Amino acid sequence: MLSEWLDATLEGREPTSLQGELPSGRYRFYGPGIVELLPDTIGPQGRACVFSAAIHGNETAPVELVGELLAGVEAGTLRLGAPLLVILGNLPALRQSCRFISTNLNRLFRRELDATGEEADRARELMAAVDAFYARHASLGRLHYDLHTAIRDSRYPRFVVEPYAETAIAHEQWRWLAAAGIQAALHQHQHSWTFSHYTKHYHAAQSFTLELGKVAPFGANDLAALQPMLALLQALAEGREPTSAPLSEMQFFRVEYELMRSSEAFTLCIADDTPNFTEFPPGACLARDAVQGDFIVGETPLRVVFPNPKVELGARAALLVAPSSVPDN
């Protein structure tokens, strides 16, 4: 049944049964695009793990990666050793191969949300599903990997964003991510209301947004480059210690500024094909806005990440980052 779940979800079909047995546990569907896997026995390193994908509907590589993980569990080649909550986020956008329908779902994950509309309702549904999952497994450590792909090329094709919150990231997480082929890490400097921020801020989970290459349609993704990441997901699913690598294999950055689109008269002063992590020298003009004015790089060079001049009014049009030190043990 799990092997059919992705296809049924994409086609908008209801599952024939809400629960079933697996070789090493069982599963239960909690709503469209939401399934929990429960092990017969929790492994020695078992955590309550949330793996989410398709928060943006045109980001297909994470969906295929999750599909490989579920296929292994169902076939019995992967022995379940931790409770998993697997989420496909923006289902209408996923079916239409677009980023979102009305608004960016990945800016709506806050408990005080009063917005209306399809994406807002889905955000509330996903927050409730995560709340209930962590409550059911309150004795276990909490982890959330929100899997994405980026709109554009990148100097570091595979990187993670660490959300801003009081919860410290365990040093082991960085070593696991380095072994999983992650090339860079970006530390957020303020609350951002993304899905990974929600689980870190409200649930003290070890949470990341993972950017796993560039957006591509189903069947056109380079899944070979993501096999180390699949190995990390498999280890977590089995409740065992993942492979580690030295942090010297990753580059670390910190957000220094957010460029916001405050008016209709907004322009990013960079080429449309500028890769993520491109560096700009002091004196470079990066944006013009009728309300905010020009943004000029100061004395320290800055790199641009997630530049997108077409965001909604009041939304973030780019992050500006600078290198930071390797996290302490």
Protein backbone atom coordinates (compact mmCIF):
# COMPACT_ATOMS: atom_id res chain seq x y z
CA MET A 1 0.00 0.00 0.00
CA LEU A 2 2.82 2.44 0.77
CA SER A 3 4.26 1.90 -2.69
CA GLU A 4 0.94 3.10 -4.12
CA TRP A 5 0.56 6.02 -1.71
CA LEU A 6 2.57 8.52 -3.70
CA ASP A 7 0.77 7.74 -6.95
CA ALA A 8 -2.63 7.82 -5.25
CA THR A 9 -1.80 11.14 -3.58
CA LEU A 10 -0.69 12.69 -6.86
CA GLU A 11 -3.89 11.49 -8.51
CA GLY A 12 -6.11 12.65 -5.65
CA ARG A 13 -7.37 9.14 -4.83
CA GLU A 14 -8.34 8.11 -1.31
CA PRO A 15 -6.50 5.11 0.20
CA THR A 16 -8.51 1.88 0.26
CA SER A 17 -7.57 1.40 3.92
CA LEU A 18 -6.48 3.90 6.57
CA GLN A 19 -3.97 1.53 8.16
CA GLY A 20 -2.01 -1.62 7.52
CA GLU A 21 0.89 -3.87 8.45
CA LEU A 22 4.54 -3.63 7.42
CA PRO A 23 7.33 -6.25 7.72
CA SER A 24 8.72 -4.38 10.73
CA GLY A 25 5.75 -2.35 11.94
CA ARG A 26 2.57 -0.75 10.71
CA TYR A 27 1.34 2.43 9.05
CA ARG A 28 -1.63 4.75 9.38
CA PHE A 29 -2.89 7.56 7.14
CA TYR A 30 -3.90 10.70 9.03
CA GLY A 31 -5.09 12.74 6.07
CA PRO A 32 -4.18 13.58 2.48
CA GLY A 33 -0.42 13.38 2.10
CA ILE A 34 0.14 12.45 5.77
CA VAL A 35 1.22 8.97 6.86
CA GLU A 36 2.75 7.69 10.11
CA LEU A 37 4.97 4.60 10.27
CA LEU A 38 5.29 2.85 13.61
CA PRO A 39 8.00 0.25 14.31
CA ASP A 40 7.45 -3.01 16.15
CA THR A 41 10.60 -2.20 18.12
CA ILE A 42 12.29 1.17 18.53
CA GLY A 43 16.01 1.05 17.74
CA PRO A 44 18.76 2.19 20.12
CA GLN A 45 18.97 5.61 18.46
CA GLY A 46 15.28 5.90 17.60
CA ARG A 47 13.84 9.41 17.38
CA ALA A 48 10.43 10.78 16.47
CA CYS A 49 11.25 11.79 12.88
CA VAL A 50 9.27 14.05 10.56
CA PHE A 51 10.29 13.90 6.91
CA SER A 52 8.41 16.42 4.76
CA ALA A 53 8.54 17.15 1.05
CA ALA A 54 6.60 19.15 -1.56
CA ILE A 55 5.95 22.11 0.69
CA HIS A 56 6.56 23.73 -2.69
CA GLY A 57 4.77 21.70 -5.33
CA ASN A 58 7.40 21.92 -8.10
CA GLU A 59 10.18 20.40 -5.96
CA THR A 60 10.06 16.76 -6.98
CA ALA A 61 13.44 15.22 -6.04
CA PRO A 62 12.50 15.04 -2.33
CA VAL A 63 9.25 13.29 -3.24
CA GLU A 64 11.18 10.67 -5.20
CA LEU A 65 13.64 10.31 -2.31
CA VAL A 66 10.82 9.74 0.17
CA GLY A 67 9.35 7.22 -2.26
CA GLU A 68 12.58 5.21 -2.22
CA LEU A 69 12.59 5.26 1.58
CA LEU A 70 8.99 4.03 1.84
CA ALA A 71 9.57 1.34 -0.79
CA GLY A 72 12.44 -0.05 1.28
CA VAL A 73 10.30 -0.15 4.43
CA GLU A 74 7.43 -1.87 2.64
CA ALA A 75 9.70 -4.40 0.93
CA GLY A 76 11.39 -5.26 4.22
CA THR A 77 14.87 -4.29 3.00
CA LEU A 78 14.76 -1.46 5.51
CA ARG A 79 13.82 -2.43 9.06
CA LEU A 80 11.78 0.27 10.74
CA GLY A 81 13.24 1.31 14.11
CA ALA A 82 11.77 4.75 14.72
CA PRO A 83 8.34 6.38 14.39
CA LEU A 84 8.16 8.40 11.16
CA LEU A 85 5.69 11.03 10.08
CA VAL A 86 5.97 11.45 6.31
CA ILE A 87 4.31 14.52 4.80
CA LEU A 88 3.66 15.73 1.28
CA GLY A 89 2.82 19.37 1.77
CA ASN A 90 1.13 21.38 -0.97
CA LEU A 91 -0.85 18.72 -2.81
CA PRO A 92 -2.71 20.93 -5.32
CA ALA A 93 0.56 22.60 -6.31
CA LEU A 94 2.30 19.22 -6.54
CA ARG A 95 -0.40 17.96 -8.91
CA GLN A 96 -0.06 21.09 -11.05
CA SER A 97 3.78 21.13 -10.92
CA CYS A 98 3.86 24.69 -9.58
CA ARG A 99 5.45 26.27 -6.54
CA PHE A 100 2.15 27.24 -4.88
CA ILE A 101 -1.44 28.01 -5.75
CA SER A 102 -2.25 31.29 -3.96
CA THR A 103 0.60 32.00 -1.57
CA ASN A 104 3.88 30.52 -0.34
CA LEU A 105 2.97 27.73 2.11
CA ASN A 106 6.43 27.87 3.65
CA ARG A 107 5.77 31.27 5.24
CA LEU A 108 2.60 30.27 7.11
CA PHE A 109 3.74 27.97 9.92
CA ARG A 110 2.87 29.96 13.03
CA ARG A 111 0.26 29.20 15.65
CA GLU A 112 -1.18 32.72 15.51
CA LEU A 113 -1.93 32.35 11.79
CA ASP A 114 -5.17 34.15 10.90
CA ALA A 115 -4.87 34.01 7.11
CA THR A 116 -7.52 32.30 5.02
CA GLY A 117 -7.27 30.26 1.85
CA GLU A 118 -6.12 26.86 0.66
CA GLU A 119 -2.48 27.17 1.71
CA ALA A 120 -3.37 28.64 5.11
CA ASP A 121 -5.77 25.77 5.80
CA ARG A 122 -3.07 23.28 4.79
CA ALA A 123 -0.54 24.94 7.11
CA ARG A 124 -2.94 24.54 10.02
CA GLU A 125 -3.56 20.90 9.09
CA LEU A 126 0.18 20.15 8.95
CA MET A 127 0.91 21.96 12.22
CA ALA A 128 -1.82 19.93 13.94
CA ALA A 129 -0.45 16.68 12.48
CA VAL A 130 3.06 17.45 13.76
CA ASP A 131 1.74 18.51 17.18
CA ALA A 132 -0.16 15.24 17.55
CA PHE A 133 2.77 13.13 16.30
CA TYR A 134 5.25 14.59 18.77
CA ALA A 135 2.65 14.25 21.56
CA ARG A 136 2.21 10.54 20.74
CA HIS A 137 5.99 10.04 21.04
CA ALA A 138 6.79 12.46 23.84
CA SER A 139 9.52 10.27 25.32
CA LEU A 140 11.68 10.36 22.18
CA GLY A 141 14.00 12.99 20.78
CA ARG A 142 12.46 15.06 18.01
CA LEU A 143 13.82 15.56 14.51
CA HIS A 144 12.47 17.23 11.36
CA TYR A 145 14.05 17.30 7.91
CA ASP A 146 12.04 19.46 5.50
CA LEU A 147 13.28 18.43 2.04
CA HIS A 148 13.39 20.96 -0.80
CA THR A 149 15.13 21.82 -4.04
CA ALA A 150 16.15 25.37 -4.99
CA ILE A 151 14.78 27.44 -7.86
CA ARG A 152 18.22 28.25 -9.25
CA ASP A 153 21.76 26.94 -9.52
CA SER A 154 24.04 27.20 -6.50
CA ARG A 155 27.74 27.38 -5.71
CA TYR A 156 26.80 24.70 -3.15
CA PRO A 157 24.05 22.59 -4.78
CA ARG A 158 23.21 20.80 -1.52
CA PHE A 159 22.89 22.97 1.57
CA VAL A 160 20.81 23.32 4.71
CA VAL A 161 19.13 26.24 6.44
CA GLU A 162 19.17 26.11 10.23
CA PRO A 163 16.07 27.94 11.49
CA TYR A 164 16.38 30.57 14.19
CA ALA A 165 15.21 29.37 17.61
CA GLU A 166 16.52 28.94 21.15
CA THR A 167 17.05 25.20 20.71
CA ALA A 168 20.70 24.37 20.06
CA ILE A 169 21.61 22.04 17.22
CA ALA A 170 23.42 18.92 18.42
CA HIS A 171 26.93 18.71 16.99
CA GLU A 172 26.24 15.21 15.70
CA GLN A 173 23.70 16.65 13.27
CA TRP A 174 26.39 18.60 11.43
CA ARG A 175 28.58 15.50 11.14
CA TRP A 176 25.66 13.46 9.78
CA LEU A 177 24.80 16.14 7.25
CA ALA A 178 28.42 16.38 6.13
CA ALA A 179 28.43 12.62 5.50
CA ALA A 180 25.11 12.97 3.64
CA GLY A 181 26.70 15.18 1.00
CA ILE A 182 25.58 18.54 2.38
CA GLN A 183 28.12 21.14 1.28
CA ALA A 184 27.06 24.23 3.20
CA ALA A 185 24.96 25.33 6.17
CA LEU A 186 23.18 28.63 6.61
CA HIS A 187 22.23 29.93 10.06
CA GLN A 188 19.06 32.04 10.15
CA HIS A 189 19.24 35.24 12.21
CA GLN A 190 15.55 35.73 13.05
CA HIS A 191 12.18 33.98 13.06
CA SER A 192 11.07 33.04 9.55
CA TRP A 193 7.87 30.93 10.03
CA THR A 194 8.94 28.12 7.72
CA PHE A 195 7.92 24.51 8.42
CA SER A 196 11.32 23.60 9.88
CA HIS A 197 11.24 26.75 12.01
CA TYR A 198 7.86 25.65 13.38
CA THR A 199 9.16 22.33 14.70
CA LYS A 200 12.33 23.86 16.12
CA HIS A 201 10.64 26.90 17.67
CA TYR A 202 7.54 25.23 19.11
CA HIS A 203 8.77 21.67 19.68
CA ALA A 204 12.53 22.08 20.30
CA ALA A 205 13.20 19.61 17.47
CA GLN A 206 16.46 19.21 15.61
CA SER A 207 15.13 20.81 12.44
CA PHE A 208 16.49 21.89 9.07
CA THR A 209 15.35 23.00 5.67
CA LEU A 210 17.42 20.91 3.25
CA GLU A 211 18.01 22.16 -0.30
CA LEU A 212 18.89 19.11 -2.39
CA GLY A 213 19.87 20.48 -5.77
CA LYS A 214 17.81 22.38 -8.34
CA VAL A 215 14.12 22.13 -9.21
CA ALA A 216 13.36 19.58 -11.95
CA PRO A 217 10.26 17.66 -13.07
CA PHE A 218 9.60 14.07 -12.03
CA GLY A 219 12.03 11.71 -13.76
CA ALA A 220 14.64 14.41 -14.44
CA ASN A 221 16.26 14.54 -10.99
CA ASP A 222 19.83 13.43 -10.31
CA LEU A 223 19.01 10.95 -7.56
CA ALA A 224 22.51 9.45 -7.69
CA ALA A 225 23.84 12.63 -6.08
CA LEU A 226 21.28 12.20 -3.28
CA GLN A 227 22.14 8.63 -2.29
CA PRO A 228 24.19 9.82 0.74
CA MET A 229 21.14 11.77 1.89
CA LEU A 230 18.96 8.70 1.36
CA ALA A 231 21.43 6.74 3.52
CA LEU A 232 20.97 9.30 6.31
CA LEU A 233 17.17 9.05 6.10
CA GLN A 234 17.41 5.25 6.13
CA ALA A 235 19.63 5.24 9.23
CA LEU A 236 17.20 7.52 11.07
CA ALA A 237 14.26 5.37 9.96
CA GLU A 238 16.01 2.28 11.32
CA GLY A 239 16.79 3.97 14.63
CA ARG A 240 20.55 3.53 14.32
CA GLU A 241 23.52 5.89 14.36
CA PRO A 242 24.08 7.51 10.93
CA THR A 243 27.47 7.80 9.27
CA SER A 244 29.54 10.85 10.25
CA ALA A 245 32.08 13.01 8.42
CA PRO A 246 34.37 15.89 9.47
CA LEU A 247 32.84 19.36 9.53
CA SER A 248 35.75 20.57 7.42
CA GLU A 249 33.79 19.16 4.46
CA MET A 250 31.09 21.84 4.93
CA GLN A 251 31.08 25.62 4.65
CA PHE A 252 29.14 27.64 7.23
CA PHE A 253 27.34 30.95 6.70
CA ARG A 254 25.15 33.30 8.71
CA VAL A 255 22.35 35.54 7.45
CA GLU A 256 23.29 39.20 7.82
CA TYR A 257 20.34 40.85 6.04
CA GLU A 258 17.02 40.05 4.46
CA LEU A 259 16.02 41.96 1.35
CA MET A 260 12.28 42.59 1.48
CA ARG A 261 9.99 43.58 -1.36
CA SER A 262 8.13 46.54 0.15
CA SER A 263 6.66 48.08 -3.01
CA GLU A 264 5.60 47.29 -6.56
CA ALA A 265 8.61 49.32 -7.69
CA PHE A 266 11.13 46.72 -6.53
CA THR A 267 14.15 45.44 -8.45
CA LEU A 268 16.99 43.06 -7.66
CA CYS A 269 20.12 44.47 -9.29
CA ILE A 270 21.57 41.09 -10.17
CA ALA A 271 21.24 38.82 -13.18
CA ASP A 272 18.27 36.44 -13.24
CA ASP A 273 20.62 33.44 -13.48
CA THR A 274 22.83 34.43 -10.52
CA PRO A 275 23.60 31.23 -8.56
CA ASN A 276 22.96 30.98 -4.83
CA PHE A 277 26.00 31.96 -2.73
CA THR A 278 27.38 34.33 -5.39
CA GLU A 279 29.55 36.94 -3.62
CA PHE A 280 29.19 40.71 -4.14
CA PRO A 281 31.87 43.23 -3.12
CA PRO A 282 31.54 46.38 -0.99
CA GLY A 283 29.73 49.12 -2.85
CA ALA A 284 27.61 46.81 -5.01
CA CYS A 285 23.94 47.78 -5.30
CA LEU A 286 21.84 44.66 -4.83
CA ALA A 287 18.28 46.01 -4.72
CA ARG A 288 16.17 49.08 -5.36
CA ASP A 289 12.81 49.63 -3.68
CA ALA A 290 10.52 52.66 -3.73
CA VAL A 291 9.94 52.30 0.03
CA GLN A 292 13.20 50.84 1.36
CA GLY A 293 15.51 52.64 -1.06
CA ASP A 294 18.72 51.12 -2.45
CA PHE A 295 20.61 48.35 -0.68
CA ILE A 296 24.37 48.86 -0.99
CA VAL A 297 26.86 46.27 0.28
CA GLY A 298 28.88 47.74 3.13
CA GLU A 299 32.46 47.03 4.14
CA THR A 300 32.02 43.24 4.26
CA PRO A 301 31.34 41.27 1.05
CA LEU A 302 27.99 39.49 1.04
CA ARG A 303 26.65 36.45 -0.77
CA VAL A 304 23.11 36.21 -2.07
CA VAL A 305 20.86 33.20 -1.39
CA PHE A 306 17.29 32.59 -2.63
CA PRO A 307 17.08 35.74 -4.78
CA ASN A 308 13.56 36.08 -6.20
CA PRO A 309 12.27 39.51 -7.26
CA LYS A 310 8.80 38.11 -8.03
CA VAL A 311 7.79 37.39 -4.42
CA GLU A 312 4.60 38.85 -3.00
CA LEU A 313 4.60 42.34 -1.47
CA GLY A 314 6.02 42.21 2.04
CA ALA A 315 7.86 38.96 1.38
CA ARG A 316 11.56 38.19 1.43
CA ALA A 317 13.26 38.67 -1.94
CA ALA A 318 16.73 37.41 -0.94
CA LEU A 319 18.97 36.49 1.96
CA LEU A 320 22.39 38.12 2.22
CA VAL A 321 24.93 35.98 4.03
CA ALA A 322 28.54 35.99 5.15
CA PRO A 323 30.89 33.16 6.20
CA SER A 324 30.74 32.07 9.83
CA SER A 325 32.79 29.82 12.06
CA VAL A 326 32.39 26.05 12.34
CA PRO A 327 29.99 25.21 15.24
CA ASP A 328 31.70 24.31 18.51
CA ASN A 329 31.43 20.83 19.96
